Protein backbone atom coordinates (compact mmCIF):
# COMPACT_ATOMS: atom_id res chain seq x y z
CA MET A 1 86.67 165.47 139.43
CA ASN A 2 84.71 162.49 140.24
CA GLY A 3 82.21 162.87 137.11
CA MET A 4 85.65 162.81 134.76
CA LEU A 5 86.76 159.97 136.60
CA TRP A 6 83.54 158.18 136.16
CA SER A 7 83.17 159.11 132.60
CA ARG A 8 86.76 157.20 131.99
CA THR A 9 85.83 154.36 133.64
CA LEU A 10 82.48 153.69 131.52
CA GLY A 11 84.63 154.64 128.41
CA THR A 12 87.16 151.55 129.20
CA LEU A 13 84.08 149.26 130.50
CA LEU A 14 82.63 150.16 126.74
CA MET A 15 85.85 149.52 124.88
CA VAL A 16 86.31 146.34 126.97
CA SER A 17 83.14 145.15 126.35
CA ILE A 18 83.38 146.09 122.56
CA THR A 19 86.50 144.25 122.47
CA LEU A 20 85.01 140.79 124.25
CA VAL A 21 81.91 141.11 122.04
CA GLY A 22 84.44 141.35 118.81
CA MET A 23 86.46 138.69 119.96
CA GLN A 24 83.51 136.36 120.47
CA ALA A 25 82.32 137.14 117.15
CA LEU A 26 85.18 136.24 115.52
CA TRP A 27 86.11 133.22 117.85
CA ARG A 28 82.51 131.60 116.83
CA ARG A 29 83.12 132.62 113.13
CA TYR A 30 86.31 130.85 112.63
CA GLN A 31 85.94 128.66 115.43
CA VAL A 32 82.19 127.29 115.73
CA ASP A 33 80.36 128.58 112.19
CA PRO A 34 80.77 125.90 109.34
CA LEU A 35 83.38 128.16 107.50
CA THR A 36 86.83 127.49 106.14
CA ARG A 37 89.66 128.92 104.04
CA ASP A 38 90.34 125.33 102.84
CA GLY A 39 88.31 125.01 99.93
CA LYS A 40 89.49 123.85 96.43
CA ILE A 41 87.94 124.06 92.47
CA ARG A 42 87.64 120.10 91.76
CA ALA A 43 86.55 118.15 88.93
CA ASP A 44 86.92 114.27 87.80
CA VAL A 45 90.04 113.59 85.36
CA VAL A 46 90.10 111.21 82.83
CA GLN A 47 93.39 109.86 81.74
CA VAL A 48 93.22 109.28 78.08
CA ALA A 49 95.54 106.93 76.91
CA THR A 50 96.24 104.83 74.19
CA ASP A 51 95.18 101.05 73.21
CA VAL A 52 97.36 100.31 70.43
CA ALA A 53 100.90 101.10 69.99
CA GLY A 54 102.45 103.19 66.67
CA LEU A 55 103.49 106.39 65.68
CA ILE A 56 101.33 109.68 66.32
CA THR A 57 100.16 110.71 62.91
CA ASP A 58 97.73 113.33 63.05
CA VAL A 59 96.92 115.73 66.78
CA ARG A 60 93.48 117.34 65.78
CA VAL A 61 93.06 119.20 69.42
CA ARG A 62 95.31 121.74 71.18
CA ASP A 63 96.13 122.09 74.80
CA ASN A 64 92.92 123.50 77.17
CA GLU A 65 90.59 123.01 73.92
CA TYR A 66 86.85 121.84 74.85
CA VAL A 67 86.13 118.31 73.28
CA ARG A 68 83.05 116.43 72.87
CA LYS A 69 82.45 112.81 73.64
CA GLY A 70 83.76 110.74 70.95
CA GLN A 71 85.67 113.51 69.23
CA VAL A 72 88.89 111.91 67.62
CA LEU A 73 91.81 113.84 69.97
CA LEU A 74 94.67 111.99 67.44
CA VAL A 75 95.28 109.61 65.23
CA MET A 76 97.93 106.79 65.61
CA ASP A 77 99.65 104.96 62.28
CA ARG A 78 96.58 103.85 60.26
CA PRO A 79 98.69 102.39 57.16
CA ARG A 80 100.06 99.78 59.76
CA TYR A 81 96.97 98.67 61.10
CA GLU A 82 94.91 98.62 57.78
CA LEU A 83 97.55 96.46 56.65
CA ALA A 84 97.14 94.30 59.23
CA LEU A 85 93.26 94.44 58.67
CA GLN A 86 93.72 93.17 54.87
CA ALA A 87 96.09 90.09 55.57
CA ALA A 88 93.77 89.31 58.42
CA GLU A 89 90.81 89.40 55.62
CA ALA A 90 93.11 87.52 53.20
CA LEU A 91 93.28 84.69 56.01
CA VAL A 92 89.76 84.27 56.70
CA GLN A 93 89.31 83.91 52.80
CA SER A 94 91.82 81.08 52.76
CA LYS A 95 90.82 79.47 56.01
CA GLN A 96 86.87 79.33 54.12
CA ALA A 97 88.24 78.20 50.76
CA SER A 98 90.13 75.47 52.46
CA LEU A 99 87.03 74.62 54.52
CA THR A 100 84.44 74.64 51.74
CA GLN A 101 86.91 72.29 50.00
CA ALA A 102 87.06 69.83 52.42
CA GLU A 103 83.68 69.76 53.05
CA ARG A 104 82.82 68.83 49.71
CA GLU A 105 85.44 66.11 50.06
CA ASP A 106 83.62 64.70 53.45
CA GLN A 107 80.52 64.64 51.77
CA ARG A 108 81.79 62.79 49.03
CA ASN A 109 83.51 60.56 51.05
CA HIS A 110 80.08 59.63 53.48
CA THR A 111 78.35 59.12 49.74
CA MET A 112 80.95 56.42 49.04
CA LYS A 113 81.42 54.72 52.22
CA ASN A 114 81.11 51.20 50.77
CA VAL A 115 84.14 51.53 48.66
CA ILE A 116 86.37 53.92 50.85
CA ALA A 117 88.07 52.76 54.05
CA ALA A 118 86.57 54.42 57.01
CA GLU A 119 89.71 55.57 57.99
CA THR A 120 89.47 57.69 55.00
CA VAL A 121 85.91 58.99 56.06
CA GLU A 122 87.28 59.74 59.67
CA GLN A 123 90.30 61.39 58.65
CA GLY A 124 88.08 63.49 56.03
CA SER A 125 85.36 64.61 59.05
CA ALA A 126 88.38 65.18 61.43
CA ARG A 127 90.04 67.91 58.85
CA VAL A 128 86.47 69.71 58.23
CA ASP A 129 86.51 70.15 62.01
CA GLU A 130 90.32 71.41 62.30
CA LEU A 131 89.44 73.68 59.48
CA ARG A 132 86.46 74.97 61.37
CA GLY A 133 88.52 75.80 64.21
CA GLY A 134 91.01 77.65 62.24
CA LEU A 135 88.40 79.55 60.42
CA ALA A 136 87.15 80.40 63.78
CA GLN A 137 90.52 81.92 65.07
CA ALA A 138 90.99 83.38 61.59
CA VAL A 139 87.63 84.92 61.89
CA ALA A 140 88.43 86.39 65.54
CA ALA A 141 91.92 87.67 64.33
CA ARG A 142 90.24 89.67 61.57
CA ASP A 143 87.62 91.06 64.53
CA LEU A 144 90.69 91.90 66.53
CA ALA A 145 92.47 93.67 63.37
CA LYS A 146 89.01 95.50 63.19
CA LEU A 147 89.00 96.62 66.52
CA ASN A 148 92.63 97.51 66.34
CA LEU A 149 92.45 100.01 63.74
CA ASP A 150 89.28 101.65 65.36
CA ARG A 151 91.68 102.12 68.09
CA THR A 152 94.10 104.35 66.29
CA ASN A 153 91.63 106.89 66.51
CA VAL A 154 92.15 108.32 70.09
CA ARG A 155 88.86 109.78 71.12
CA ALA A 156 87.47 111.52 74.07
CA PRO A 157 85.72 109.53 76.51
CA VAL A 158 83.63 112.15 77.99
CA ASP A 159 82.62 115.74 77.46
CA GLY A 160 85.63 118.40 78.86
CA TYR A 161 89.00 120.26 78.29
CA VAL A 162 91.72 118.77 77.32
CA SER A 163 94.84 119.40 79.69
CA ASN A 164 98.55 118.52 79.55
CA MET A 165 98.42 118.23 75.46
CA THR A 166 102.29 118.81 74.24
CA LEU A 167 102.20 115.79 71.74
CA GLN A 168 103.38 116.17 68.13
CA PRO A 169 103.24 113.95 64.99
CA GLY A 170 106.41 111.66 64.65
CA THR A 171 106.09 110.74 68.66
CA TYR A 172 105.96 107.02 68.73
CA MET A 173 103.40 106.18 71.83
CA LYS A 174 103.25 102.19 73.46
CA ALA A 175 99.91 101.06 74.30
CA GLY A 176 98.73 102.28 77.84
CA ASP A 177 100.84 105.33 77.22
CA ALA A 178 99.02 108.62 78.85
CA VAL A 179 98.40 111.31 75.64
CA ALA A 180 96.49 113.65 78.00
CA ALA A 181 94.30 114.58 81.00
CA LEU A 182 90.19 115.12 80.05
CA VAL A 183 88.69 117.23 82.86
CA TYR A 184 85.12 116.39 82.92
CA ASP A 185 83.30 119.32 82.56
CA GLN A 186 79.81 118.33 84.05
CA SER A 187 82.06 117.19 87.47
CA ILE A 188 83.36 120.52 88.39
CA ARG A 189 82.61 121.62 91.90
CA ILE A 190 83.65 122.91 94.94
CA GLU A 191 84.88 120.69 97.73
CA GLY A 192 85.61 122.48 101.16
CA TYR A 193 87.83 120.88 104.42
CA PHE A 194 85.95 121.64 107.23
CA GLU A 195 87.65 120.77 110.88
CA GLU A 196 85.63 117.57 112.17
CA THR A 197 83.98 120.15 115.03
CA LYS A 198 81.82 121.81 112.50
CA ILE A 199 80.62 118.77 110.38
CA PRO A 200 77.40 118.41 112.95
CA ALA A 201 76.66 121.82 111.58
CA ILE A 202 76.55 120.99 108.17
CA HIS A 203 73.70 118.77 106.46
CA VAL A 204 73.19 117.81 103.02
CA GLY A 205 70.99 120.58 100.84
CA ASP A 206 72.28 123.25 102.80
CA PRO A 207 73.21 126.38 101.29
CA ALA A 208 76.57 127.25 100.73
CA VAL A 209 78.79 129.99 99.32
CA ALA A 210 82.26 130.40 97.91
CA PHE A 211 84.78 133.18 97.70
CA LEU A 212 87.26 132.66 95.20
CA MET A 213 90.94 134.33 95.92
CA GLY A 214 90.86 137.72 93.85
CA VAL A 215 87.14 137.47 92.83
CA ALA A 216 84.91 139.38 94.74
CA GLU A 217 81.43 138.27 93.59
CA PRO A 218 80.55 134.83 95.59
CA ILE A 219 79.82 131.38 94.33
CA HIS A 220 76.18 130.10 95.07
CA GLY A 221 75.75 126.37 95.86
CA HIS A 222 74.60 123.60 98.19
CA VAL A 223 75.93 120.73 99.84
CA GLU A 224 76.24 117.49 98.18
CA SER A 225 77.68 114.71 100.43
CA ILE A 226 80.27 114.61 103.10
CA ALA A 227 83.14 112.27 103.07
CA THR A 228 82.12 109.00 104.74
CA GLY A 229 85.97 108.12 105.23
CA VAL A 230 89.24 109.80 105.77
CA GLU A 231 92.67 108.14 105.70
CA ASP A 232 93.89 107.42 109.29
CA ARG A 233 96.93 108.61 110.20
CA GLU A 234 97.40 107.15 112.99
CA ARG A 235 97.72 103.64 112.36
CA SER A 236 99.47 101.74 109.66
CA ASP A 237 97.81 98.07 109.00
CA ARG A 238 99.33 95.33 107.16
CA GLU A 239 98.37 91.79 106.45
CA SER A 240 100.12 89.60 109.37
CA ALA A 241 101.02 92.79 111.50
CA LEU A 242 99.99 94.03 114.83
CA ALA A 243 98.33 97.60 114.30
CA ASN A 244 100.94 100.69 114.84
CA VAL A 245 99.00 103.13 116.63
CA ASN A 246 100.72 106.58 117.58
CA PRO A 247 100.97 107.77 121.17
CA SER A 248 97.96 110.45 121.94
CA PHE A 249 98.94 113.96 122.87
CA GLN A 250 97.68 114.81 125.93
CA TRP A 251 98.00 119.14 125.45
CA VAL A 252 97.27 119.21 122.00
CA ARG A 253 94.89 117.78 119.69
CA LEU A 254 94.45 118.66 115.90
CA ALA A 255 91.58 118.32 114.24
CA GLN A 256 90.56 115.93 111.03
CA ARG A 257 89.42 117.65 108.01
CA ILE A 258 86.46 116.43 106.53
CA PRO A 259 85.98 116.89 102.96
CA VAL A 260 82.50 118.18 101.99
CA ARG A 261 81.41 118.47 98.47
CA VAL A 262 79.32 121.58 97.25
CA THR A 263 77.40 121.61 94.24
CA ILE A 264 77.56 124.61 92.16
CA ASP A 265 74.34 126.31 91.43
CA LYS A 266 74.72 129.95 90.09
CA LEU A 267 78.18 131.35 88.74
CA PRO A 268 79.28 135.18 88.94
CA ALA A 269 78.50 136.32 85.08
CA GLY A 270 81.95 135.89 82.89
CA LEU A 271 83.52 133.80 85.75
CA LYS A 272 85.36 130.85 84.25
CA LEU A 273 86.31 128.17 86.95
CA ILE A 274 90.08 126.23 86.76
CA VAL A 275 90.73 123.19 88.66
CA GLY A 276 92.67 124.00 91.60
CA GLN A 277 91.70 127.64 92.53
CA THR A 278 91.41 128.10 96.20
CA ALA A 279 87.96 129.00 97.56
CA THR A 280 86.92 130.12 101.32
CA VAL A 281 83.33 128.13 101.31
CA GLU A 282 80.55 128.87 104.24
CA VAL A 283 78.00 126.54 104.46
CA LYS A 284 74.47 128.14 105.98
CA PRO A 285 71.47 126.63 107.79
CA TYR A 286 68.79 125.36 105.32
CA THR A 287 66.02 127.87 104.76
CA GLY A 288 63.48 126.31 102.71
CA GLU A 289 64.67 128.21 99.57
CA ALA A 290 64.30 126.67 96.03
CA ILE A 291 67.71 125.14 94.70
CA VAL A 292 68.37 125.79 91.24
CA ARG A 293 70.94 123.70 89.35
CA ARG A 294 72.48 124.33 86.07
CA SER A 295 74.57 122.49 83.53
CA PHE A 296 78.47 123.59 82.60
CA PRO A 297 80.34 124.37 80.74
CA TRP A 298 80.49 128.11 80.27
């Protein structure tokens, strides 16, 4: 009877010990170790906009298509700007002809100073100066017309993927209107938002592993940088105003989340990253292993 009681006691103690060890391991993993389930696939997004106004006459890319830097995305109203350039070139020719004639007359006036009034000579010189200024303005207008004609071809500023391209020929666009978003492929990365209590355990260069939702294989990378500042939601400063500081909570204090940028070193075969995907990110201590970097797209 005593032996059975003793066995039950040992069993109970063993179960309690295992439970405590498991709870401690879970607590350490989720509260102490540099691990976060709040990670995202991110990239720099370039907003492509028009620089001139006009009708879209040709759309040369599709939504989600990969494009190279300098590739024409769409064409805007070239006939209008070709006519504007022709008019500007004609004005330059007219101004140049008037200036040439005025310079000949001014040169002739200077050779006949003895028989022509000084006022006439001065007026001739002033007219030459005025026409030279007019010619400079016409040349500037012609160069601007050339620039506007070139800007009718809306080009990709970087390599990347076209996103949210819904425009069709015939749409009228004003200067500065957004055309599409361009996801810069070389900037695709993982950003993990770690609680500030875990930041001391994270260092630049530390290896990192990320798991996407629905993907079993890990993504390997390393810590590129740690954010140097985040928005302070406890105060609102304005010019000529006192700081508005919220009262502190004595019993509950929520840890601030700090963005940590992770450079991707190795992807699972066939995996294509989509900006905005959710990831679990874990940073491991640096062991001196070589970091292999690779370029994208995939």
